[in-house]
Amino acid sequence: MRTMRASIASTSYVRLERDGMREKMKLDHKKGVFPVLVGNEGMMERFLLPMRLTRHPFIVQLLEIAAQEYGFEQEGLLKIPYDASCFEKMLKLISKK
C-alpha cells in the first residue's frame, strides 16, 4: 500500500508526493476560498474567490472561457483570461448580493 506525503511546491497549493505519511500543510489562504490568476499572460493578478461564487453565472462563464483557452489540465493556479480590473469590479458587485 502506498501512502502520500504532502510537500509545498509553492505558497498557493499543496502537491502530494509518493511515499511517506500525508501531512497537513498550512496554505496562505483561509477555508472557503480558492486562488485564481486573472489577466493576460503578461499581466496576471492573484485573487481569492469565495467557493460560493462558483455557481454565479458570471464566474461560470469565465471558467468556461478559461477551459476553452487553457484546457482542463492547467498546471498551478487556475488562470482566467479576463481584464483584472474589470474582474475586481465585478467581484465587488456580485459579492454584495
PDB file of N, CA and C in Angstrom:
ATOM      1  N   MET A   1       0.836  -1.189   0.000  1.00  0.00           N
ATOM      2  CA  MET A   1       0.000   0.000   0.000  1.00  0.00           C
ATOM      3  C   MET A   1       0.875   1.244   0.000  1.00  0.00           C
ATOM      4  N   ARG A   2       0.572   2.168  -0.897  1.00  0.00           N
ATOM      5  CA  ARG A   2       1.329   3.414  -0.979  1.00  0.00           C
ATOM      6  C   ARG A   2       0.645   4.487  -0.163  1.00  0.00           C
ATOM      7  N   THR A   3       1.430   5.296   0.478  1.00  0.00           N
ATOM      8  CA  THR A   3       0.893   6.452   1.202  1.00  0.00           C
ATOM      9  C   THR A   3       1.354   7.701   0.493  1.00  0.00           C
ATOM     10  N   MET A   4       0.733   8.794   0.821  1.00  0.00           N
ATOM     11  CA  MET A   4       1.075  10.061   0.181  1.00  0.00           C
ATOM     12  C   MET A   4       1.675  10.995   1.222  1.00  0.00           C
ATOM     13  N   ARG A   5       2.635  11.806   0.803  1.00  0.00           N
ATOM     14  CA  ARG A   5       3.225  12.797   1.683  1.00  0.00           C
ATOM     15  C   ARG A   5       3.057  14.150   1.020  1.00  0.00           C
ATOM     16  N   ALA A   6       2.635  15.130   1.790  1.00  0.00           N
ATOM     17  CA  ALA A   6       2.418  16.470   1.249  1.00  0.00           C
ATOM     18  C   ALA A   6       3.696  17.281   1.339  1.00  0.00           C
ATOM     19  N   SER A   7       3.970  18.043   0.309  1.00  0.00           N
ATOM     20  CA  SER A   7       5.076  19.000   0.358  1.00  0.00           C
ATOM     21  C   SER A   7       4.651  20.241  -0.392  1.00  0.00           C
ATOM     22  N   ILE A   8       5.128  21.359   0.017  1.00  0.00           N
ATOM     23  CA  ILE A   8       4.731  22.619  -0.595  1.00  0.00           C
ATOM     24  C   ILE A   8       5.581  22.861  -1.840  1.00  0.00           C
ATOM     25  N   ALA A   9       4.907  23.006  -2.987  1.00  0.00           N
ATOM     26  CA  ALA A   9       5.597  23.318  -4.234  1.00  0.00           C
ATOM     27  C   ALA A   9       5.594  24.827  -4.458  1.00  0.00           C
ATOM     28  N   SER A  10       4.587  25.499  -3.955  1.00  0.00           N
ATOM     29  CA  SER A  10       4.517  26.958  -3.953  1.00  0.00           C
ATOM     30  C   SER A  10       3.671  27.328  -2.754  1.00  0.00           C
ATOM     31  N   THR A  11       3.511  28.604  -2.500  1.00  0.00           N
ATOM     32  CA  THR A  11       2.743  29.006  -1.325  1.00  0.00           C
ATOM     33  C   THR A  11       1.245  28.972  -1.575  1.00  0.00           C
ATOM     34  N   SER A  12       0.820  28.606  -2.771  1.00  0.00           N
ATOM     35  CA  SER A  12      -0.597  28.693  -3.073  1.00  0.00           C
ATOM     36  C   SER A  12      -1.310  27.351  -3.210  1.00  0.00           C
ATOM     37  N   TYR A  13      -0.583  26.229  -3.170  1.00  0.00           N
ATOM     38  CA  TYR A  13      -1.244  24.942  -3.240  1.00  0.00           C
ATOM     39  C   TYR A  13      -0.341  23.864  -2.651  1.00  0.00           C
ATOM     40  N   VAL A  14      -0.917  22.719  -2.382  1.00  0.00           N
ATOM     41  CA  VAL A  14      -0.160  21.602  -1.814  1.00  0.00           C
ATOM     42  C   VAL A  14      -0.044  20.510  -2.861  1.00  0.00           C
ATOM     43  N   ARG A  15       1.159  20.024  -3.099  1.00  0.00           N
ATOM     44  CA  ARG A  15       1.387  18.930  -4.032  1.00  0.00           C
ATOM     45  C   ARG A  15       1.656  17.665  -3.219  1.00  0.00           C
ATOM     46  N   LEU A  16       1.027  16.559  -3.612  1.00  0.00           N
ATOM     47  CA  LEU A  16       1.231  15.295  -2.926  1.00  0.00           C
ATOM     48  C   LEU A  16       2.299  14.488  -3.632  1.00  0.00           C
ATOM     49  N   GLU A  17       3.209  13.895  -2.846  1.00  0.00           N
ATOM     50  CA  GLU A  17       4.256  13.045  -3.394  1.00  0.00           C
ATOM     51  C   GLU A  17       4.068  11.628  -2.883  1.00  0.00           C
ATOM     52  N   ARG A  18       4.608  10.659  -3.621  1.00  0.00           N
ATOM     53  CA  ARG A  18       4.518   9.260  -3.195  1.00  0.00           C
ATOM     54  C   ARG A  18       5.410   9.013  -1.995  1.00  0.00           C
ATOM     55  N   ASP A  19       5.069   7.981  -1.245  1.00  0.00           N
ATOM     56  CA  ASP A  19       5.829   7.505  -0.093  1.00  0.00           C
ATOM     57  C   ASP A  19       5.797   8.500   1.064  1.00  0.00           C
ATOM     58  N   GLY A  20       5.905   7.981   2.256  1.00  0.00           N
ATOM     59  CA  GLY A  20       5.854   8.805   3.445  1.00  0.00           C
ATOM     60  C   GLY A  20       4.426   8.993   3.912  1.00  0.00           C
ATOM     61  N   MET A  21       4.226   9.736   4.974  1.00  0.00           N
ATOM     62  CA  MET A  21       2.891   9.976   5.527  1.00  0.00           C
ATOM     63  C   MET A  21       2.319  11.277   4.987  1.00  0.00           C
ATOM     64  N   ARG A  22       1.018  11.305   4.907  1.00  0.00           N
ATOM     65  CA  ARG A  22       0.341  12.517   4.450  1.00  0.00           C
ATOM     66  C   ARG A  22       0.374  13.532   5.582  1.00  0.00           C
ATOM     67  N   GLU A  23       0.863  14.715   5.292  1.00  0.00           N
ATOM     68  CA  GLU A  23       0.972  15.760   6.298  1.00  0.00           C
ATOM     69  C   GLU A  23       0.018  16.891   5.950  1.00  0.00           C
ATOM     70  N   LYS A  24      -0.544  17.490   6.965  1.00  0.00           N
ATOM     71  CA  LYS A  24      -1.428  18.627   6.732  1.00  0.00           C
ATOM     72  C   LYS A  24      -0.564  19.878   6.647  1.00  0.00           C
ATOM     73  N   MET A  25      -0.655  20.581   5.526  1.00  0.00           N
ATOM     74  CA  MET A  25       0.161  21.773   5.316  1.00  0.00           C
ATOM     75  C   MET A  25      -0.722  23.016   5.380  1.00  0.00           C
ATOM     76  N   LYS A  26      -0.202  24.051   5.990  1.00  0.00           N
ATOM     77  CA  LYS A  26      -0.945  25.307   6.089  1.00  0.00           C
ATOM     78  C   LYS A  26      -0.825  26.071   4.774  1.00  0.00           C
ATOM     79  N   LEU A  27      -1.955  26.487   4.225  1.00  0.00           N
ATOM     80  CA  LEU A  27      -1.968  27.277   2.997  1.00  0.00           C
ATOM     81  C   LEU A  27      -1.995  28.754   3.355  1.00  0.00           C
ATOM     82  N   ASP A  28      -1.736  29.618   2.388  1.00  0.00           N
ATOM     83  CA  ASP A  28      -1.709  31.046   2.661  1.00  0.00           C
ATOM     84  C   ASP A  28      -3.077  31.708   2.498  1.00  0.00           C
ATOM     85  N   HIS A  29      -4.134  30.936   2.561  1.00  0.00           N
ATOM     86  CA  HIS A  29      -5.481  31.494   2.492  1.00  0.00           C
ATOM     87  C   HIS A  29      -6.397  30.704   3.410  1.00  0.00           C
ATOM     88  N   LYS A  30      -7.541  31.277   3.718  1.00  0.00           N
ATOM     89  CA  LYS A  30      -8.470  30.628   4.645  1.00  0.00           C
ATOM     90  C   LYS A  30      -9.365  29.634   3.921  1.00  0.00           C
ATOM     91  N   LYS A  31     -10.087  28.846   4.700  1.00  0.00           N
ATOM     92  CA  LYS A  31     -11.016  27.877   4.126  1.00  0.00           C
ATOM     93  C   LYS A  31     -12.153  28.602   3.422  1.00  0.00           C
ATOM     94  N   GLY A  32     -12.708  27.960   2.404  1.00  0.00           N
ATOM     95  CA  GLY A  32     -13.858  28.519   1.706  1.00  0.00           C
ATOM     96  C   GLY A  32     -13.513  29.432   0.550  1.00  0.00           C
ATOM     97  N   VAL A  33     -12.224  29.581   0.257  1.00  0.00           N
ATOM     98  CA  VAL A  33     -11.800  30.390  -0.892  1.00  0.00           C
ATOM     99  C   VAL A  33     -10.772  29.596  -1.695  1.00  0.00           C
ATOM    100  N   PHE A  34     -10.611  29.967  -2.959  1.00  0.00           N
ATOM    101  CA  PHE A  34      -9.578  29.344  -3.776  1.00  0.00           C
ATOM    102  C   PHE A  34      -8.901  30.411  -4.628  1.00  0.00           C
ATOM    103  N   PRO A  35      -7.594  30.273  -4.858  1.00  0.00           N
ATOM    104  CA  PRO A  35      -6.863  31.285  -5.618  1.00  0.00           C
ATOM    105  C   PRO A  35      -7.001  31.093  -7.123  1.00  0.00           C
ATOM    106  N   VAL A  36      -7.059  32.201  -7.843  1.00  0.00           N
ATOM    107  CA  VAL A  36      -7.052  32.199  -9.306  1.00  0.00           C
ATOM    108  C   VAL A  36      -6.141  33.323  -9.788  1.00  0.00           C
ATOM    109  N   LEU A  37      -5.614  33.170 -10.989  1.00  0.00           N
ATOM    110  CA  LEU A  37      -4.866  34.235 -11.648  1.00  0.00           C
ATOM    111  C   LEU A  37      -5.745  34.802 -12.748  1.00  0.00           C
ATOM    112  N   VAL A  38      -5.897  36.118 -12.765  1.00  0.00           N
ATOM    113  CA  VAL A  38      -6.769  36.768 -13.746  1.00  0.00           C
ATOM    114  C   VAL A  38      -5.962  37.783 -14.534  1.00  0.00           C
ATOM    115  N   GLY A  39      -6.137  37.769 -15.843  1.00  0.00           N
ATOM    116  CA  GLY A  39      -5.465  38.735 -16.699  1.00  0.00           C
ATOM    117  C   GLY A  39      -4.945  38.078 -17.952  1.00  0.00           C
ATOM    118  N   ASN A  40      -4.110  38.811 -18.660  1.00  0.00           N
ATOM    119  CA  ASN A  40      -3.449  38.285 -19.849  1.00  0.00           C
ATOM    120  C   ASN A  40      -2.115  37.708 -19.432  1.00  0.00           C
ATOM    121  N   GLU A  41      -1.511  36.887 -20.276  1.00  0.00           N
ATOM    122  CA  GLU A  41      -0.273  36.180 -19.940  1.00  0.00           C
ATOM    123  C   GLU A  41       0.796  37.092 -19.328  1.00  0.00           C
ATOM    124  N   GLY A  42       0.958  38.289 -19.845  1.00  0.00           N
ATOM    125  CA  GLY A  42       1.992  39.191 -19.335  1.00  0.00           C
ATOM    126  C   GLY A  42       1.669  39.793 -17.988  1.00  0.00           C
ATOM    127  N   MET A  43       0.411  40.123 -17.760  1.00  0.00           N
ATOM    128  CA  MET A  43      -0.014  40.800 -16.535  1.00  0.00           C
ATOM    129  C   MET A  43      -1.147  40.023 -15.882  1.00  0.00           C
ATOM    130  N   MET A  44      -0.838  39.239 -14.870  1.00  0.00           N
ATOM    131  CA  MET A  44      -1.864  38.464 -14.172  1.00  0.00           C
ATOM    132  C   MET A  44      -1.861  38.841 -12.698  1.00  0.00           C
ATOM    133  N   GLU A  45      -3.060  38.970 -12.134  1.00  0.00           N
ATOM    134  CA  GLU A  45      -3.208  39.267 -10.714  1.00  0.00           C
ATOM    135  C   GLU A  45      -3.837  38.074 -10.016  1.00  0.00           C
ATOM    136  N   ARG A  46      -3.455  37.864  -8.777  1.00  0.00           N
ATOM    137  CA  ARG A  46      -3.976  36.754  -7.977  1.00  0.00           C
ATOM    138  C   ARG A  46      -5.173  37.245  -7.161  1.00  0.00           C
ATOM    139  N   PHE A  47      -6.263  36.485  -7.219  1.00  0.00           N
ATOM    140  CA  PHE A  47      -7.475  36.764  -6.449  1.00  0.00           C
ATOM    141  C   PHE A  47      -7.847  35.527  -5.654  1.00  0.00           C
ATOM    142  N   LEU A  48      -8.478  35.732  -4.512  1.00  0.00           N
ATOM    143  CA  LEU A  48      -9.049  34.640  -3.735  1.00  0.00           C
ATOM    144  C   LEU A  48     -10.553  34.699  -3.900  1.00  0.00           C
ATOM    145  N   LEU A  49     -11.113  33.683  -4.550  1.00  0.00           N
ATOM    146  CA  LEU A  49     -12.557  33.637  -4.807  1.00  0.00           C
ATOM    147  C   LEU A  49     -13.262  32.806  -3.742  1.00  0.00           C
ATOM    148  N   PRO A  50     -14.351  33.328  -3.180  1.00  0.00           N
ATOM    149  CA  PRO A  50     -15.157  32.505  -2.274  1.00  0.00           C
ATOM    150  C   PRO A  50     -15.791  31.354  -3.057  1.00  0.00           C
ATOM    151  N   MET A  51     -15.803  30.177  -2.469  1.00  0.00           N
ATOM    152  CA  MET A  51     -16.367  28.993  -3.132  1.00  0.00           C
ATOM    153  C   MET A  51     -17.828  29.212  -3.531  1.00  0.00           C
ATOM    154  N   ARG A  52     -18.569  29.977  -2.759  1.00  0.00           N
ATOM    155  CA  ARG A  52     -19.991  30.196  -3.050  1.00  0.00           C
ATOM    156  C   ARG A  52     -20.193  30.883  -4.402  1.00  0.00           C
ATOM    157  N   LEU A  53     -19.185  31.597  -4.888  1.00  0.00           N
ATOM    158  CA  LEU A  53     -19.324  32.302  -6.171  1.00  0.00           C
ATOM    159  C   LEU A  53     -19.138  31.382  -7.378  1.00  0.00           C
ATOM    160  N   THR A  54     -18.732  30.140  -7.159  1.00  0.00           N
ATOM    161  CA  THR A  54     -18.522  29.235  -8.295  1.00  0.00           C
ATOM    162  C   THR A  54     -19.826  28.908  -9.016  1.00  0.00           C
ATOM    163  N   ARG A  55     -20.948  29.201  -8.391  1.00  0.00           N
ATOM    164  CA  ARG A  55     -22.243  28.954  -9.044  1.00  0.00           C
ATOM    165  C   ARG A  55     -22.818  30.207  -9.704  1.00  0.00           C
ATOM    166  N   HIS A  56     -22.176  31.343  -9.505  1.00  0.00           N
ATOM    167  CA  HIS A  56     -22.674  32.587 -10.102  1.00  0.00           C
ATOM    168  C   HIS A  56     -22.456  32.538 -11.617  1.00  0.00           C
ATOM    169  N   PRO A  57     -23.462  32.954 -12.400  1.00  0.00           N
ATOM    170  CA  PRO A  57     -23.361  32.877 -13.873  1.00  0.00           C
ATOM    171  C   PRO A  57     -22.127  33.576 -14.449  1.00  0.00           C
ATOM    172  N   PHE A  58     -21.723  34.701 -13.885  1.00  0.00           N
ATOM    173  CA  PHE A  58     -20.538  35.419 -14.369  1.00  0.00           C
ATOM    174  C   PHE A  58     -19.281  34.571 -14.194  1.00  0.00           C
ATOM    175  N   ILE A  59     -19.116  33.979 -13.024  1.00  0.00           N
ATOM    176  CA  ILE A  59     -17.938  33.157 -12.734  1.00  0.00           C
ATOM    177  C   ILE A  59     -17.974  31.873 -13.568  1.00  0.00           C
ATOM    178  N   VAL A  60     -19.145  31.273 -13.702  1.00  0.00           N
ATOM    179  CA  VAL A  60     -19.289  30.058 -14.516  1.00  0.00           C
ATOM    180  C   VAL A  60     -18.860  30.340 -15.947  1.00  0.00           C
ATOM    181  N   GLN A  61     -19.295  31.472 -16.484  1.00  0.00           N
ATOM    182  CA  GLN A  61     -18.929  31.827 -17.858  1.00  0.00           C
ATOM    183  C   GLN A  61     -17.418  32.030 -17.982  1.00  0.00           C
ATOM    184  N   LEU A  62     -16.803  32.687 -17.000  1.00  0.00           N
ATOM    185  CA  LEU A  62     -15.349  32.886 -17.043  1.00  0.00           C
ATOM    186  C   LEU A  62     -14.593  31.565 -16.939  1.00  0.00           C
ATOM    187  N   LEU A  63     -15.095  30.646 -16.127  1.00  0.00           N
ATOM    188  CA  LEU A  63     -14.456  29.331 -16.011  1.00  0.00           C
ATOM    189  C   LEU A  63     -14.558  28.559 -17.322  1.00  0.00           C
ATOM    190  N   GLU A  64     -15.676  28.711 -18.030  1.00  0.00           N
ATOM    191  CA  GLU A  64     -15.813  28.066 -19.340  1.00  0.00           C
ATOM    192  C   GLU A  64     -14.847  28.668 -20.354  1.00  0.00           C
ATOM    193  N   ILE A  65     -14.679  29.987 -20.305  1.00  0.00           N
ATOM    194  CA  ILE A  65     -13.715  30.652 -21.196  1.00  0.00           C
ATOM    195  C   ILE A  65     -12.300  30.177 -20.878  1.00  0.00           C
ATOM    196  N   ALA A  66     -11.982  30.053 -19.589  1.00  0.00           N
ATOM    197  CA  ALA A  66     -10.654  29.575 -19.181  1.00  0.00           C
ATOM    198  C   ALA A  66     -10.419  28.151 -19.679  1.00  0.00           C
ATOM    199  N   ALA A  67     -11.441  27.308 -19.617  1.00  0.00           N
ATOM    200  CA  ALA A  67     -11.313  25.929 -20.100  1.00  0.00           C
ATOM    201  C   ALA A  67     -11.068  25.900 -21.605  1.00  0.00           C
ATOM    202  N   GLN A  68     -11.741  26.788 -22.343  1.00  0.00           N
ATOM    203  CA  GLN A  68     -11.531  26.848 -23.797  1.00  0.00           C
ATOM    204  C   GLN A  68     -10.134  27.354 -24.123  1.00  0.00           C
ATOM    205  N   GLU A  69      -9.674  28.346 -23.365  1.00  0.00           N
ATOM    206  CA  GLU A  69      -8.372  28.975 -23.628  1.00  0.00           C
ATOM    207  C   GLU A  69      -7.199  28.080 -23.217  1.00  0.00           C
ATOM    208  N   TYR A  70      -7.271  27.519 -22.003  1.00  0.00           N
ATOM    209  CA  TYR A  70      -6.130  26.796 -21.431  1.00  0.00           C
ATOM    210  C   TYR A  70      -6.349  25.289 -21.304  1.00  0.00           C
ATOM    211  N   GLY A  71      -7.577  24.821 -21.491  1.00  0.00           N
ATOM    212  CA  GLY A  71      -7.859  23.406 -21.312  1.00  0.00           C
ATOM    213  C   GLY A  71      -8.148  23.080 -19.853  1.00  0.00           C
ATOM    214  N   PHE A  72      -8.424  21.808 -19.594  1.00  0.00           N
ATOM    215  CA  PHE A  72      -8.775  21.372 -18.243  1.00  0.00           C
ATOM    216  C   PHE A  72      -7.566  20.904 -17.441  1.00  0.00           C
ATOM    217  N   GLU A  73      -6.401  20.865 -18.048  1.00  0.00           N
ATOM    218  CA  GLU A  73      -5.220  20.344 -17.371  1.00  0.00           C
ATOM    219  C   GLU A  73      -4.184  21.440 -17.141  1.00  0.00           C
ATOM    220  N   GLN A  74      -4.612  22.552 -16.549  1.00  0.00           N
ATOM    221  CA  GLN A  74      -3.692  23.637 -16.253  1.00  0.00           C
ATOM    222  C   GLN A  74      -2.757  23.241 -15.122  1.00  0.00           C
ATOM    223  N   GLU A  75      -1.532  23.696 -15.191  1.00  0.00           N
ATOM    224  CA  GLU A  75      -0.561  23.484 -14.120  1.00  0.00           C
ATOM    225  C   GLU A  75      -0.624  24.678 -13.170  1.00  0.00           C
ATOM    226  N   GLY A  76      -0.532  24.417 -11.880  1.00  0.00           N
ATOM    227  CA  GLY A  76      -0.513  25.504 -10.899  1.00  0.00           C
ATOM    228  C   GLY A  76      -1.883  26.109 -10.686  1.00  0.00           C
ATOM    229  N   LEU A  77      -1.919  27.410 -10.492  1.00  0.00           N
ATOM    230  CA  LEU A  77      -3.180  28.106 -10.226  1.00  0.00           C
ATOM    231  C   LEU A  77      -4.053  28.175 -11.469  1.00  0.00           C
ATOM    232  N   LEU A  78      -5.342  28.201 -11.252  1.00  0.00           N
ATOM    233  CA  LEU A  78      -6.312  28.350 -12.330  1.00  0.00           C
ATOM    234  C   LEU A  78      -6.160  29.743 -12.935  1.00  0.00           C
ATOM    235  N   LYS A  79      -6.009  29.810 -14.245  1.00  0.00           N
ATOM    236  CA  LYS A  79      -5.851  31.085 -14.948  1.00  0.00           C
ATOM    237  C   LYS A  79      -7.154  31.442 -15.647  1.00  0.00           C
ATOM    238  N   ILE A  80      -7.565  32.702 -15.513  1.00  0.00           N
ATOM    239  CA  ILE A  80      -8.777  33.193 -16.161  1.00  0.00           C
ATOM    240  C   ILE A  80      -8.390  34.353 -17.069  1.00  0.00           C
ATOM    241  N   PRO A  81      -8.611  34.218 -18.388  1.00  0.00           N
ATOM    242  CA  PRO A  81      -8.241  35.276 -19.327  1.00  0.00           C
ATOM    243  C   PRO A  81      -9.292  36.388 -19.355  1.00  0.00           C
ATOM    244  N   TYR A  82      -9.133  37.361 -18.483  1.00  0.00           N
ATOM    245  CA  TYR A  82     -10.093  38.453 -18.363  1.00  0.00           C
ATOM    246  C   TYR A  82      -9.351  39.641 -17.770  1.00  0.00           C
ATOM    247  N   ASP A  83      -9.780  40.847 -18.064  1.00  0.00           N
ATOM    248  CA  ASP A  83      -9.151  42.048 -17.520  1.00  0.00           C
ATOM    249  C   ASP A  83      -9.276  42.054 -15.992  1.00  0.00           C
ATOM    250  N   ALA A  84      -8.142  42.163 -15.303  1.00  0.00           N
ATOM    251  CA  ALA A  84      -8.120  42.054 -13.842  1.00  0.00           C
ATOM    252  C   ALA A  84      -8.906  43.169 -13.149  1.00  0.00           C
ATOM    253  N   SER A  85      -8.831  44.393 -13.650  1.00  0.00           N
ATOM    254  CA  SER A  85      -9.558  45.494 -13.004  1.00  0.00           C
ATOM    255  C   SER A  85     -11.070  45.326 -13.174  1.00  0.00           C
ATOM    256  N   CYS A  86     -11.506  44.864 -14.345  1.00  0.00           N
ATOM    257  CA  CYS A  86     -12.939  44.595 -14.560  1.00  0.00           C
ATOM    258  C   CYS A  86     -13.390  43.425 -13.684  1.00  0.00           C
ATOM    259  N   PHE A  87     -12.543  42.419 -13.559  1.00  0.00           N
ATOM    260  CA  PHE A  87     -12.860  41.261 -12.723  1.00  0.00           C
ATOM    261  C   PHE A  87     -13.052  41.701 -11.269  1.00  0.00           C
ATOM    262  N   GLU A  88     -12.179  42.546 -10.795  1.00  0.00           N
ATOM    263  CA  GLU A  88     -12.275  43.031  -9.413  1.00  0.00           C
ATOM    264  C   GLU A  88     -13.573  43.814  -9.191  1.00  0.00           C
ATOM    265  N   LYS A  89     -13.945  44.647 -10.148  1.00  0.00           N
ATOM    266  CA  LYS A  89     -15.199  45.412 -10.047  1.00  0.00           C
ATOM    267  C   LYS A  89     -16.410  44.483 -10.039  1.00  0.00           C
ATOM    268  N   MET A  90     -16.382  43.467 -10.917  1.00  0.00           N
ATOM    269  CA  MET A  90     -17.498  42.513 -10.961  1.00  0.00           C
ATOM    270  C   MET A  90     -17.587  41.708  -9.672  1.00  0.00           C
ATOM    271  N   LEU A  91     -16.445  41.342  -9.107  1.00  0.00           N
ATOM    272  CA  LEU A  91     -16.452  40.612  -7.838  1.00  0.00           C
ATOM    273  C   LEU A  91     -17.110  41.439  -6.733  1.00  0.00           C
ATOM    274  N   LYS A  92     -16.800  42.718  -6.701  1.00  0.00           N
ATOM    275  CA  LYS A  92     -17.408  43.598  -5.689  1.00  0.00           C
ATOM    276  C   LYS A  92     -18.919  43.675  -5.881  1.00  0.00           C
ATOM    277  N   LEU A  93     -19.360  43.767  -7.135  1.00  0.00           N
ATOM    278  CA  LEU A  93     -20.794  43.842  -7.414  1.00  0.00           C
ATOM    279  C   LEU A  93     -21.530  42.550  -7.050  1.00  0.00           C
ATOM    280  N   ILE A  94     -20.992  41.417  -7.465  1.00  0.00           N
ATOM    281  CA  ILE A  94     -21.697  40.165  -7.221  1.00  0.00           C
ATOM    282  C   ILE A  94     -21.552  39.668  -5.780  1.00  0.00           C
ATOM    283  N   SER A  95     -20.514  40.123  -5.077  1.00  0.00           N
ATOM    284  CA  SER A  95     -20.343  39.726  -3.672  1.00  0.00           C
ATOM    285  C   SER A  95     -21.335  40.433  -2.759  1.00  0.00           C
ATOM    286  N   LYS A  96     -21.830  41.585  -3.177  1.00  0.00           N
ATOM    287  CA  LYS A  96     -22.794  42.344  -2.369  1.00  0.00           C
ATOM    288  C   LYS A  96     -24.161  41.721  -2.361  1.00  0.00           C
ATOM    289  N   LYS A  97     -24.467  40.911  -3.375  1.00  0.00           N
ATOM    290  CA  LYS A  97     -25.800  40.313  -3.490  1.00  0.00           C
ATOM    291  C   LYS A  97     -25.992  39.177  -2.541  1.00  0.00           C
TER     292      LYS A  97
END
